[in-house]
Each structure stands twice: as C-alpha cells, then as structure tokens.
Amino acid sequence: MTDKSKIQGEGNYDAARKFDKEERAFVKKGGIEQKAKDAEAALEGPEGADLEKARKEADERGHMDER
C-alpha cells in the first residue's frame, strides 16, 4: 500500500499544506490594509500603466485554453 502523504495525483498536497501555512502566517502578521493601500497607490502612480499591462498579459495567458 502507498503512503498517502506522498500522493501527488490531482494536486500537490505538500505544496498545498505549505501554501496554507504561509498564507495563515501572512494574515496573522497583519498589515494587509496597508499593503492594499500601497498597491492602489502603485496603480495610480507612474508604474500604473506597466502594472495594468502585466495584469492583462497574465490574464490572457490564464485563459489560453478557453479560446
């Protein structure tokens, strides 16, 4: 019988656990409101056009299979 902790079929359980752990630590650390304000300022600032272009390119790559 296989060790279920090593199954990597439909999802990578190790990576999911690591992501969840790091996400909880990020939220617990706080400062999310300030990060949101910083992101908004960046979008409205001189780098805003570049950030929007990058967002659109990433969005297009994410939908390539749906075309």
C-alpha atoms as a PDB file:
ATOM      1  CA  MET A   1       0.000   0.000   0.000  1.00  0.00           C
ATOM      2  CA  THR A   2       1.237   3.519  -0.741  1.00  0.00           C
ATOM      3  CA  ASP A   3       1.909   6.244   1.751  1.00  0.00           C
ATOM      4  CA  LYS A   4      -0.976   8.713   1.217  1.00  0.00           C
ATOM      5  CA  SER A   5       1.201  11.667   2.286  1.00  0.00           C
ATOM      6  CA  LYS A   6       3.217  11.201  -0.917  1.00  0.00           C
ATOM      7  CA  ILE A   7       0.278  11.091  -3.345  1.00  0.00           C
ATOM      8  CA  GLN A   8       0.661  13.848  -5.923  1.00  0.00           C
ATOM      9  CA  GLY A   9      -2.152  12.981  -8.348  1.00  0.00           C
ATOM     10  CA  GLU A  10      -4.825  15.650  -8.750  1.00  0.00           C
ATOM     11  CA  GLY A  11      -2.966  18.045  -6.502  1.00  0.00           C
ATOM     12  CA  ASN A  12       0.301  18.513  -4.735  1.00  0.00           C
ATOM     13  CA  TYR A  13      -0.623  18.011  -1.094  1.00  0.00           C
ATOM     14  CA  ASP A  14       2.772  19.098   0.201  1.00  0.00           C
ATOM     15  CA  ALA A  15       2.631  22.344  -1.765  1.00  0.00           C
ATOM     16  CA  ALA A  16      -0.965  22.956  -0.658  1.00  0.00           C
ATOM     17  CA  ARG A  17      -0.038  22.485   3.008  1.00  0.00           C
ATOM     18  CA  LYS A  18       2.951  24.811   2.618  1.00  0.00           C
ATOM     19  CA  PHE A  19       0.817  27.441   0.883  1.00  0.00           C
ATOM     20  CA  ASP A  20      -1.878  27.245   3.576  1.00  0.00           C
ATOM     21  CA  LYS A  21       0.706  27.562   6.359  1.00  0.00           C
ATOM     22  CA  GLU A  22       2.368  30.582   4.736  1.00  0.00           C
ATOM     23  CA  GLU A  23      -0.983  32.204   3.961  1.00  0.00           C
ATOM     24  CA  ARG A  24      -2.094  31.900   7.588  1.00  0.00           C
ATOM     25  CA  ALA A  25       1.207  33.396   8.766  1.00  0.00           C
ATOM     26  CA  PHE A  26       0.823  36.294   6.321  1.00  0.00           C
ATOM     27  CA  VAL A  27      -2.692  37.085   7.548  1.00  0.00           C
ATOM     28  CA  LYS A  28      -1.710  36.694  11.210  1.00  0.00           C
ATOM     29  CA  LYS A  29       1.208  39.094  10.714  1.00  0.00           C
ATOM     30  CA  GLY A  30      -1.247  41.826   9.722  1.00  0.00           C
ATOM     31  CA  GLY A  31      -0.679  44.915   7.647  1.00  0.00           C
ATOM     32  CA  ILE A  32      -3.000  43.786   4.880  1.00  0.00           C
ATOM     33  CA  GLU A  33      -4.838  47.119   4.778  1.00  0.00           C
ATOM     34  CA  GLN A  34      -1.532  48.971   4.284  1.00  0.00           C
ATOM     35  CA  LYS A  35      -0.477  46.570   1.528  1.00  0.00           C
ATOM     36  CA  ALA A  36      -3.801  47.220  -0.226  1.00  0.00           C
ATOM     37  CA  LYS A  37      -3.226  50.989   0.023  1.00  0.00           C
ATOM     38  CA  ASP A  38       0.319  50.569  -1.311  1.00  0.00           C
ATOM     39  CA  ALA A  39      -0.980  48.548  -4.258  1.00  0.00           C
ATOM     40  CA  GLU A  40      -3.642  51.146  -5.013  1.00  0.00           C
ATOM     41  CA  ALA A  41      -1.031  53.922  -4.913  1.00  0.00           C
ATOM     42  CA  ALA A  42       1.211  51.937  -7.272  1.00  0.00           C
ATOM     43  CA  LEU A  43      -1.654  51.502  -9.741  1.00  0.00           C
ATOM     44  CA  GLU A  44      -2.401  55.215  -9.645  1.00  0.00           C
ATOM     45  CA  GLY A  45       1.279  56.197  -9.833  1.00  0.00           C
ATOM     46  CA  PRO A  46       3.838  56.265 -12.648  1.00  0.00           C
ATOM     47  CA  GLU A  47       4.118  52.477 -12.775  1.00  0.00           C
ATOM     48  CA  GLY A  48       0.360  52.012 -13.092  1.00  0.00           C
ATOM     49  CA  ALA A  49       0.339  51.556 -16.866  1.00  0.00           C
ATOM     50  CA  ASP A  50       3.056  48.881 -16.680  1.00  0.00           C
ATOM     51  CA  LEU A  51       1.236  47.069 -13.876  1.00  0.00           C
ATOM     52  CA  GLU A  52      -2.034  47.089 -15.824  1.00  0.00           C
ATOM     53  CA  LYS A  53      -0.269  45.799 -18.941  1.00  0.00           C
ATOM     54  CA  ALA A  54       1.286  42.954 -16.918  1.00  0.00           C
ATOM     55  CA  ARG A  55      -2.108  42.118 -15.380  1.00  0.00           C
ATOM     56  CA  LYS A  56      -3.733  41.912 -18.803  1.00  0.00           C
ATOM     57  CA  GLU A  57      -0.930  39.720 -20.184  1.00  0.00           C
ATOM     58  CA  ALA A  58      -1.215  37.355 -17.210  1.00  0.00           C
ATOM     59  CA  ASP A  59      -4.991  37.234 -17.619  1.00  0.00           C
ATOM     60  CA  GLU A  60      -4.630  36.353 -21.309  1.00  0.00           C
ATOM     61  CA  ARG A  61      -2.208  33.533 -20.503  1.00  0.00           C
ATOM     62  CA  GLY A  62      -4.643  32.203 -17.925  1.00  0.00           C
ATOM     63  CA  HIS A  63      -7.439  31.958 -20.473  1.00  0.00           C
ATOM     64  CA  MET A  64      -5.458  30.491 -23.379  1.00  0.00           C
ATOM     65  CA  ASP A  65      -7.098  27.063 -23.057  1.00  0.00           C
ATOM     66  CA  GLU A  66     -10.584  28.591 -23.108  1.00  0.00           C
ATOM     67  CA  ARG A  67     -10.244  30.082 -26.599  1.00  0.00           C
END
